[in-house]
N, C-alpha and C. Protein backbone atom coordinates (compact mmCIF):
# COMPACT_ATOMS: atom_id res chain seq x y z
N MET A 1 0.84 -1.18 0.00
CA MET A 1 0.00 0.00 0.00
C MET A 1 0.88 1.24 0.00
N ASN A 2 0.71 2.10 -0.98
CA ASN A 2 1.44 3.35 -1.08
C ASN A 2 0.56 4.46 -0.54
N ASP A 3 1.01 5.16 0.51
CA ASP A 3 0.22 6.23 1.10
C ASP A 3 0.65 7.61 0.65
N ALA A 4 1.47 7.70 -0.42
CA ALA A 4 1.79 9.02 -0.98
C ALA A 4 0.49 9.60 -1.53
N PRO A 5 0.23 10.88 -1.23
CA PRO A 5 -1.07 11.43 -1.65
C PRO A 5 -1.20 11.54 -3.17
N VAL A 6 -2.34 11.11 -3.65
CA VAL A 6 -2.73 11.35 -5.03
C VAL A 6 -3.30 12.77 -5.10
N LEU A 7 -4.08 13.11 -4.06
CA LEU A 7 -4.57 14.48 -3.87
C LEU A 7 -4.19 14.91 -2.46
N ASP A 8 -3.50 16.02 -2.35
CA ASP A 8 -3.16 16.53 -1.02
C ASP A 8 -4.29 17.43 -0.53
N ILE A 9 -4.10 18.02 0.64
CA ILE A 9 -5.18 18.80 1.26
C ILE A 9 -5.58 19.98 0.40
N ARG A 10 -4.65 20.60 -0.30
CA ARG A 10 -5.01 21.74 -1.16
C ARG A 10 -5.96 21.31 -2.27
N ALA A 11 -5.69 20.18 -2.89
CA ALA A 11 -6.56 19.66 -3.95
C ALA A 11 -7.91 19.23 -3.38
N ILE A 12 -7.90 18.63 -2.18
CA ILE A 12 -9.15 18.24 -1.54
C ILE A 12 -10.04 19.46 -1.31
N LEU A 13 -9.44 20.56 -0.86
CA LEU A 13 -10.20 21.79 -0.61
C LEU A 13 -10.80 22.35 -1.90
N GLU A 14 -10.20 22.05 -3.04
CA GLU A 14 -10.76 22.48 -4.32
C GLU A 14 -11.95 21.61 -4.73
N HIS A 15 -12.02 20.39 -4.20
CA HIS A 15 -13.07 19.45 -4.61
C HIS A 15 -14.22 19.35 -3.63
N LEU A 16 -14.06 19.88 -2.43
CA LEU A 16 -15.13 19.83 -1.43
C LEU A 16 -15.39 21.22 -0.87
N PRO A 17 -16.65 21.56 -0.63
CA PRO A 17 -16.95 22.85 -0.02
C PRO A 17 -16.77 22.84 1.49
N HIS A 18 -16.57 21.69 2.10
CA HIS A 18 -16.46 21.56 3.55
C HIS A 18 -15.18 22.22 4.07
N ARG A 19 -15.27 22.75 5.28
CA ARG A 19 -14.13 23.35 5.96
C ARG A 19 -14.20 22.94 7.43
N TYR A 20 -13.12 23.24 8.18
CA TYR A 20 -13.08 22.94 9.59
C TYR A 20 -14.33 23.49 10.26
N PRO A 21 -14.95 22.76 11.14
CA PRO A 21 -14.55 21.45 11.67
C PRO A 21 -15.21 20.28 10.94
N PHE A 22 -15.74 20.51 9.74
CA PHE A 22 -16.50 19.46 9.07
C PHE A 22 -15.79 18.81 7.90
N LEU A 23 -14.59 19.22 7.57
CA LEU A 23 -13.82 18.55 6.52
C LEU A 23 -13.24 17.27 7.13
N LEU A 24 -13.59 16.11 6.57
CA LEU A 24 -13.24 14.83 7.18
C LEU A 24 -12.38 13.95 6.29
N VAL A 25 -11.71 14.54 5.30
CA VAL A 25 -10.78 13.82 4.45
C VAL A 25 -9.46 14.57 4.48
N ASP A 26 -8.38 13.87 4.87
CA ASP A 26 -7.07 14.51 4.97
C ASP A 26 -6.22 14.34 3.72
N ARG A 27 -6.37 13.20 3.05
CA ARG A 27 -5.63 12.99 1.79
C ARG A 27 -6.27 11.85 1.02
N VAL A 28 -6.03 11.87 -0.28
CA VAL A 28 -6.49 10.80 -1.16
C VAL A 28 -5.25 10.03 -1.57
N VAL A 29 -5.28 8.70 -1.36
CA VAL A 29 -4.10 7.88 -1.65
C VAL A 29 -4.27 7.02 -2.90
N GLU A 30 -5.50 6.81 -3.34
CA GLU A 30 -5.76 6.06 -4.57
C GLU A 30 -6.99 6.66 -5.24
N LEU A 31 -6.96 6.72 -6.57
CA LEU A 31 -8.10 7.27 -7.29
C LEU A 31 -8.12 6.71 -8.70
N GLU A 32 -9.23 6.09 -9.05
CA GLU A 32 -9.51 5.66 -10.42
C GLU A 32 -10.80 6.32 -10.81
N LYS A 33 -10.71 7.35 -11.65
CA LYS A 33 -11.90 8.10 -12.05
C LYS A 33 -12.96 7.15 -12.59
N GLY A 34 -14.19 7.36 -12.16
CA GLY A 34 -15.31 6.54 -12.58
C GLY A 34 -15.38 5.18 -11.92
N LYS A 35 -14.43 4.89 -11.02
CA LYS A 35 -14.41 3.56 -10.39
C LYS A 35 -14.32 3.61 -8.87
N ARG A 36 -13.20 4.14 -8.34
CA ARG A 36 -12.99 4.01 -6.90
C ARG A 36 -12.04 5.07 -6.37
N ILE A 37 -12.09 5.21 -5.05
CA ILE A 37 -11.20 6.13 -4.35
C ILE A 37 -10.83 5.51 -3.01
N ALA A 38 -9.63 5.78 -2.54
CA ALA A 38 -9.22 5.46 -1.17
C ALA A 38 -8.64 6.74 -0.58
N ALA A 39 -9.14 7.09 0.59
CA ALA A 39 -8.72 8.33 1.24
C ALA A 39 -8.46 8.05 2.72
N ILE A 40 -7.82 9.01 3.36
CA ILE A 40 -7.43 8.87 4.76
C ILE A 40 -8.04 10.00 5.58
N LYS A 41 -8.54 9.64 6.77
CA LYS A 41 -8.94 10.60 7.80
C LYS A 41 -8.16 10.24 9.05
N ASN A 42 -7.28 11.14 9.47
CA ASN A 42 -6.53 10.94 10.70
C ASN A 42 -7.39 11.41 11.86
N VAL A 43 -7.66 10.53 12.79
CA VAL A 43 -8.55 10.84 13.91
C VAL A 43 -7.68 11.22 15.10
N THR A 44 -7.88 12.46 15.59
CA THR A 44 -7.07 12.93 16.73
C THR A 44 -7.98 13.34 17.88
N ILE A 45 -7.42 13.39 19.06
CA ILE A 45 -8.18 13.81 20.24
C ILE A 45 -8.62 15.26 20.13
N ASN A 46 -8.01 16.02 19.23
CA ASN A 46 -8.36 17.43 19.04
C ASN A 46 -9.67 17.64 18.29
N GLU A 47 -10.31 16.57 17.80
CA GLU A 47 -11.58 16.71 17.09
C GLU A 47 -12.61 17.31 18.06
N PRO A 48 -13.38 18.31 17.63
CA PRO A 48 -14.30 18.98 18.56
C PRO A 48 -15.39 18.07 19.13
N TYR A 49 -15.78 17.01 18.42
CA TYR A 49 -16.85 16.15 18.92
C TYR A 49 -16.42 15.28 20.09
N PHE A 50 -15.12 15.08 20.29
CA PHE A 50 -14.68 14.24 21.40
C PHE A 50 -14.93 14.89 22.77
N VAL A 51 -15.15 16.19 22.80
CA VAL A 51 -15.45 16.87 24.07
C VAL A 51 -16.71 16.27 24.70
N GLY A 52 -17.68 15.89 23.86
CA GLY A 52 -18.92 15.36 24.40
C GLY A 52 -19.26 13.95 23.98
N HIS A 53 -18.41 13.30 23.16
CA HIS A 53 -18.76 11.97 22.62
C HIS A 53 -17.57 11.02 22.75
N PHE A 54 -17.26 10.46 23.71
CA PHE A 54 -17.66 10.58 25.10
C PHE A 54 -16.42 10.95 25.87
N PRO A 55 -16.49 11.89 26.82
CA PRO A 55 -15.27 12.36 27.48
C PRO A 55 -14.44 11.27 28.15
N VAL A 56 -15.08 10.27 28.72
CA VAL A 56 -14.35 9.21 29.43
C VAL A 56 -13.78 8.17 28.46
N ALA A 57 -14.49 7.91 27.37
CA ALA A 57 -14.04 6.93 26.37
C ALA A 57 -14.40 7.48 24.99
N PRO A 58 -13.56 8.38 24.42
CA PRO A 58 -13.90 9.05 23.17
C PRO A 58 -14.07 8.09 22.00
N VAL A 59 -15.19 8.28 21.27
CA VAL A 59 -15.52 7.46 20.10
C VAL A 59 -15.99 8.41 19.00
N MET A 60 -15.48 8.23 17.78
CA MET A 60 -15.94 9.03 16.65
C MET A 60 -17.39 8.65 16.34
N PRO A 61 -18.29 9.64 16.28
CA PRO A 61 -19.69 9.32 15.98
C PRO A 61 -19.83 8.62 14.63
N GLY A 62 -20.69 7.60 14.60
CA GLY A 62 -20.91 6.85 13.38
C GLY A 62 -21.38 7.71 12.23
N VAL A 63 -22.21 8.71 12.52
CA VAL A 63 -22.69 9.58 11.45
C VAL A 63 -21.54 10.34 10.80
N LEU A 64 -20.49 10.63 11.56
CA LEU A 64 -19.34 11.32 10.98
C LEU A 64 -18.47 10.38 10.17
N ILE A 65 -18.45 9.10 10.51
CA ILE A 65 -17.76 8.13 9.67
C ILE A 65 -18.47 8.04 8.32
N ILE A 66 -19.80 7.99 8.36
CA ILE A 66 -20.59 7.98 7.13
C ILE A 66 -20.34 9.26 6.33
N GLU A 67 -20.30 10.39 7.01
CA GLU A 67 -20.03 11.68 6.34
C GLU A 67 -18.65 11.67 5.69
N ALA A 68 -17.64 11.12 6.38
CA ALA A 68 -16.30 11.04 5.79
C ALA A 68 -16.33 10.21 4.51
N LEU A 69 -17.06 9.10 4.54
CA LEU A 69 -17.20 8.27 3.34
C LEU A 69 -17.89 9.06 2.22
N ALA A 70 -18.91 9.82 2.57
CA ALA A 70 -19.62 10.62 1.56
C ALA A 70 -18.72 11.71 0.98
N GLN A 71 -17.87 12.29 1.81
CA GLN A 71 -16.94 13.30 1.30
C GLN A 71 -15.95 12.67 0.32
N ALA A 72 -15.47 11.48 0.63
CA ALA A 72 -14.59 10.78 -0.32
C ALA A 72 -15.35 10.49 -1.61
N ALA A 73 -16.61 10.09 -1.49
CA ALA A 73 -17.45 9.85 -2.67
C ALA A 73 -17.62 11.12 -3.49
N GLY A 74 -17.77 12.25 -2.82
CA GLY A 74 -17.89 13.52 -3.51
C GLY A 74 -16.65 13.84 -4.32
N ILE A 75 -15.48 13.60 -3.75
CA ILE A 75 -14.23 13.83 -4.48
C ILE A 75 -14.18 12.94 -5.71
N LEU A 76 -14.55 11.66 -5.55
CA LEU A 76 -14.57 10.73 -6.68
C LEU A 76 -15.51 11.24 -7.77
N SER A 77 -16.69 11.70 -7.39
CA SER A 77 -17.66 12.17 -8.37
C SER A 77 -17.16 13.42 -9.10
N PHE A 78 -16.63 14.38 -8.36
CA PHE A 78 -16.10 15.58 -9.00
C PHE A 78 -14.93 15.24 -9.92
N GLN A 79 -14.04 14.36 -9.47
CA GLN A 79 -12.91 13.95 -10.31
C GLN A 79 -13.40 13.24 -11.57
N THR A 80 -14.39 12.37 -11.42
CA THR A 80 -14.94 11.63 -12.56
C THR A 80 -15.56 12.59 -13.57
N ALA A 81 -16.26 13.61 -13.07
CA ALA A 81 -16.93 14.57 -13.95
C ALA A 81 -15.98 15.65 -14.48
N GLY A 82 -14.73 15.65 -13.99
CA GLY A 82 -13.79 16.68 -14.41
C GLY A 82 -14.15 18.05 -13.88
N ARG A 83 -14.77 18.08 -12.68
CA ARG A 83 -15.22 19.34 -12.07
C ARG A 83 -14.56 19.54 -10.72
N LYS A 84 -14.68 20.75 -10.23
CA LYS A 84 -14.30 21.08 -8.87
C LYS A 84 -15.52 21.68 -8.18
N SER A 85 -15.49 21.72 -6.87
CA SER A 85 -16.57 22.33 -6.12
C SER A 85 -16.66 23.80 -6.50
N ASP A 86 -17.88 24.32 -6.60
CA ASP A 86 -18.06 25.73 -6.90
C ASP A 86 -19.30 26.23 -6.17
N PRO A 87 -19.47 27.55 -6.08
CA PRO A 87 -20.61 28.09 -5.32
C PRO A 87 -21.96 27.83 -5.98
N ASN A 88 -21.98 27.32 -7.19
CA ASN A 88 -23.23 27.11 -7.91
C ASN A 88 -23.73 25.67 -7.86
N SER A 89 -23.06 24.81 -7.10
CA SER A 89 -23.51 23.43 -7.00
C SER A 89 -23.17 22.86 -5.63
N LEU A 90 -23.97 21.90 -5.21
CA LEU A 90 -23.73 21.18 -3.97
C LEU A 90 -23.95 19.70 -4.21
N TYR A 91 -23.30 18.92 -3.38
CA TYR A 91 -23.37 17.47 -3.46
C TYR A 91 -24.11 16.99 -2.22
N TYR A 92 -25.32 16.47 -2.38
CA TYR A 92 -26.18 16.11 -1.27
C TYR A 92 -26.30 14.59 -1.11
N PHE A 93 -26.48 14.15 0.16
CA PHE A 93 -26.93 12.79 0.43
C PHE A 93 -28.37 12.65 -0.06
N VAL A 94 -28.69 11.54 -0.70
CA VAL A 94 -30.09 11.24 -0.99
C VAL A 94 -30.48 9.87 -0.45
N GLY A 95 -29.51 9.12 0.06
CA GLY A 95 -29.84 7.83 0.65
C GLY A 95 -28.64 7.18 1.31
N ILE A 96 -28.92 6.49 2.40
CA ILE A 96 -27.91 5.68 3.10
C ILE A 96 -28.60 4.36 3.41
N ASP A 97 -28.08 3.27 2.86
CA ASP A 97 -28.67 1.96 3.07
C ASP A 97 -27.64 1.01 3.68
N ASP A 98 -28.13 0.05 4.40
CA ASP A 98 -27.32 -1.05 4.92
C ASP A 98 -26.11 -0.60 5.71
N ALA A 99 -26.23 0.50 6.44
CA ALA A 99 -25.11 0.98 7.26
C ALA A 99 -24.90 0.05 8.45
N ARG A 100 -23.67 -0.35 8.64
CA ARG A 100 -23.29 -1.23 9.74
C ARG A 100 -21.99 -0.73 10.35
N PHE A 101 -21.93 -0.74 11.67
CA PHE A 101 -20.75 -0.31 12.40
C PHE A 101 -20.17 -1.52 13.11
N LYS A 102 -18.91 -1.81 12.84
CA LYS A 102 -18.30 -3.05 13.32
C LYS A 102 -17.31 -2.86 14.46
N ARG A 103 -16.73 -1.68 14.58
CA ARG A 103 -15.77 -1.41 15.65
C ARG A 103 -15.74 0.07 15.91
N PRO A 104 -15.47 0.48 17.15
CA PRO A 104 -15.38 1.91 17.43
C PRO A 104 -14.11 2.51 16.80
N VAL A 105 -14.21 3.78 16.45
CA VAL A 105 -13.06 4.54 15.93
C VAL A 105 -12.70 5.54 17.02
N THR A 106 -11.45 5.52 17.45
CA THR A 106 -11.01 6.31 18.60
C THR A 106 -9.81 7.18 18.23
N PRO A 107 -9.50 8.17 19.08
CA PRO A 107 -8.35 9.02 18.81
C PRO A 107 -7.08 8.19 18.60
N GLY A 108 -6.31 8.60 17.59
CA GLY A 108 -5.09 7.88 17.23
C GLY A 108 -5.30 6.94 16.07
N ASP A 109 -6.55 6.62 15.75
CA ASP A 109 -6.83 5.75 14.61
C ASP A 109 -6.64 6.50 13.30
N GLN A 110 -6.26 5.76 12.28
CA GLN A 110 -6.25 6.30 10.92
C GLN A 110 -7.35 5.57 10.16
N LEU A 111 -8.36 6.33 9.79
CA LEU A 111 -9.51 5.77 9.10
C LEU A 111 -9.23 5.76 7.60
N ARG A 112 -9.29 4.57 7.01
CA ARG A 112 -9.13 4.44 5.57
C ARG A 112 -10.53 4.36 4.95
N LEU A 113 -10.81 5.29 4.08
CA LEU A 113 -12.12 5.42 3.44
C LEU A 113 -12.02 4.85 2.04
N GLU A 114 -12.78 3.79 1.76
CA GLU A 114 -12.76 3.14 0.45
C GLU A 114 -14.16 3.20 -0.14
N VAL A 115 -14.26 3.81 -1.32
CA VAL A 115 -15.56 4.02 -1.95
C VAL A 115 -15.47 3.57 -3.40
N GLU A 116 -16.45 2.76 -3.81
CA GLU A 116 -16.55 2.32 -5.21
C GLU A 116 -17.83 2.86 -5.81
N LEU A 117 -17.73 3.41 -7.01
CA LEU A 117 -18.90 3.87 -7.73
C LEU A 117 -19.62 2.66 -8.31
N VAL A 118 -20.87 2.48 -7.93
CA VAL A 118 -21.67 1.35 -8.39
C VAL A 118 -22.45 1.73 -9.64
N ARG A 119 -23.04 2.95 -9.60
CA ARG A 119 -23.87 3.38 -10.73
C ARG A 119 -24.01 4.90 -10.69
N SER A 120 -24.14 5.52 -11.86
CA SER A 120 -24.47 6.94 -11.93
C SER A 120 -25.41 7.18 -13.09
N ALA A 121 -26.35 8.08 -12.87
CA ALA A 121 -27.29 8.48 -13.91
C ALA A 121 -27.87 9.84 -13.54
N ARG A 122 -27.86 10.76 -14.47
CA ARG A 122 -28.45 12.10 -14.29
C ARG A 122 -28.03 12.75 -12.98
N ASN A 123 -26.75 12.80 -12.72
CA ASN A 123 -26.18 13.45 -11.53
C ASN A 123 -26.57 12.80 -10.21
N ILE A 124 -27.02 11.53 -10.25
CA ILE A 124 -27.26 10.77 -9.04
C ILE A 124 -26.27 9.60 -9.05
N PHE A 125 -25.58 9.42 -7.93
CA PHE A 125 -24.51 8.45 -7.83
C PHE A 125 -24.78 7.46 -6.70
N LYS A 126 -24.50 6.19 -6.93
CA LYS A 126 -24.64 5.16 -5.91
C LYS A 126 -23.27 4.55 -5.67
N TYR A 127 -22.93 4.37 -4.39
CA TYR A 127 -21.60 3.89 -4.01
C TYR A 127 -21.68 2.75 -3.01
N SER A 128 -20.70 1.90 -3.06
CA SER A 128 -20.44 0.94 -2.00
C SER A 128 -19.27 1.52 -1.21
N ALA A 129 -19.43 1.67 0.10
CA ALA A 129 -18.43 2.36 0.90
C ALA A 129 -18.07 1.55 2.14
N ARG A 130 -16.81 1.64 2.51
CA ARG A 130 -16.34 0.99 3.73
C ARG A 130 -15.21 1.80 4.35
N ALA A 131 -15.17 1.78 5.67
CA ALA A 131 -14.11 2.44 6.41
C ALA A 131 -13.41 1.40 7.26
N THR A 132 -12.08 1.41 7.23
CA THR A 132 -11.30 0.45 8.00
C THR A 132 -10.26 1.17 8.86
N VAL A 133 -9.84 0.48 9.91
CA VAL A 133 -8.73 0.92 10.75
C VAL A 133 -7.77 -0.25 10.86
N ASP A 134 -6.55 -0.06 10.40
CA ASP A 134 -5.54 -1.13 10.42
C ASP A 134 -6.07 -2.41 9.77
N GLY A 135 -6.84 -2.27 8.70
CA GLY A 135 -7.37 -3.42 7.97
C GLY A 135 -8.65 -4.00 8.54
N ALA A 136 -9.05 -3.56 9.73
CA ALA A 136 -10.28 -4.07 10.36
C ALA A 136 -11.46 -3.19 9.97
N LEU A 137 -12.55 -3.81 9.56
CA LEU A 137 -13.74 -3.07 9.14
C LEU A 137 -14.35 -2.30 10.32
N ALA A 138 -14.53 -0.99 10.13
CA ALA A 138 -15.17 -0.16 11.15
C ALA A 138 -16.60 0.16 10.75
N CYS A 139 -16.84 0.35 9.45
CA CYS A 139 -18.16 0.75 8.98
C CYS A 139 -18.30 0.40 7.51
N GLU A 140 -19.51 0.03 7.12
CA GLU A 140 -19.81 -0.17 5.70
C GLU A 140 -21.22 0.33 5.44
N ALA A 141 -21.46 0.79 4.21
CA ALA A 141 -22.78 1.31 3.84
C ALA A 141 -22.87 1.44 2.34
N VAL A 142 -24.10 1.52 1.87
CA VAL A 142 -24.38 1.89 0.48
C VAL A 142 -24.87 3.33 0.53
N LEU A 143 -24.22 4.20 -0.23
CA LEU A 143 -24.54 5.63 -0.21
C LEU A 143 -25.10 6.05 -1.55
N MET A 144 -26.05 6.97 -1.52
CA MET A 144 -26.53 7.61 -2.74
C MET A 144 -26.44 9.11 -2.54
N CYS A 145 -25.87 9.78 -3.54
CA CYS A 145 -25.68 11.22 -3.47
C CYS A 145 -26.09 11.83 -4.80
N ALA A 146 -26.42 13.12 -4.75
CA ALA A 146 -26.84 13.82 -5.96
C ALA A 146 -26.10 15.14 -6.07
N LEU A 147 -25.69 15.46 -7.27
CA LEU A 147 -25.08 16.75 -7.57
C LEU A 147 -26.20 17.67 -8.03
N ARG A 148 -26.40 18.77 -7.32
CA ARG A 148 -27.48 19.70 -7.63
C ARG A 148 -26.90 21.07 -7.96
N GLU A 149 -27.38 21.62 -9.05
CA GLU A 149 -27.01 22.98 -9.42
C GLU A 149 -27.88 23.95 -8.62
N LEU A 150 -27.30 25.01 -8.11
CA LEU A 150 -28.01 26.00 -7.33
C LEU A 150 -28.31 27.22 -8.20
N ASP A 151 -29.39 27.90 -7.87
CA ASP A 151 -29.65 29.18 -8.54
C ASP A 151 -28.59 30.17 -8.11
N PRO A 152 -28.00 30.89 -9.07
CA PRO A 152 -27.01 31.91 -8.66
C PRO A 152 -27.68 32.98 -7.81
N PRO A 153 -26.93 33.60 -6.90
CA PRO A 153 -27.51 34.65 -6.06
C PRO A 153 -28.16 35.72 -6.94
N GLY A 154 -29.37 36.14 -6.55
CA GLY A 154 -30.06 37.18 -7.29
C GLY A 154 -30.77 36.70 -8.52
N ALA A 155 -30.82 35.37 -8.74
CA ALA A 155 -31.44 34.84 -9.96
C ALA A 155 -32.93 34.60 -9.78
N GLY A 156 -33.45 34.96 -8.65
CA GLY A 156 -34.88 34.74 -8.44
C GLY A 156 -35.12 33.48 -7.64
N GLY A 157 -36.04 32.68 -8.08
CA GLY A 157 -36.40 31.49 -7.33
C GLY A 157 -37.66 31.77 -6.54
N SER A 158 -38.06 30.83 -5.74
CA SER A 158 -39.31 31.00 -5.02
C SER A 158 -39.11 31.81 -3.75
N ALA A 159 -40.09 32.59 -3.41
CA ALA A 159 -40.06 33.38 -2.18
C ALA A 159 -40.73 32.58 -1.07
N ALA A 160 -40.21 32.72 0.13
CA ALA A 160 -40.77 31.98 1.27
C ALA A 160 -41.96 32.69 1.85
């Protein structure tokens, strides 16, 4: 396994709109456009959620593991489409199926995010995703996400 970054943090910031404290991908180590991605999230005690989840025995929330997988999926989708994140589009969750958590993720762990593109049609993408720590499965799920174009500011739209 070669952990030299395929995409470093600067490139990741170009592909995701997320920022601290919600950016959950530190580097991309493997990428096959239209097929798969492997990325890394280094889990440290400095993560803001560990203050309350749980102070005596800190555990990364499962929803954030799923979010990290979705962020890796977003990078794969943008790379596949030859696009970067921009203010006129967002990448949304539209489904999470068969999510299973197999082991806790704790400070000091390095979470390996592996996502395979299963199908895409009309800006909707389906992925098989798994997160591991030292080769042990921590989480797996089937994710569905959609790329949505936003109305530019001042372009009208519906009034509330």
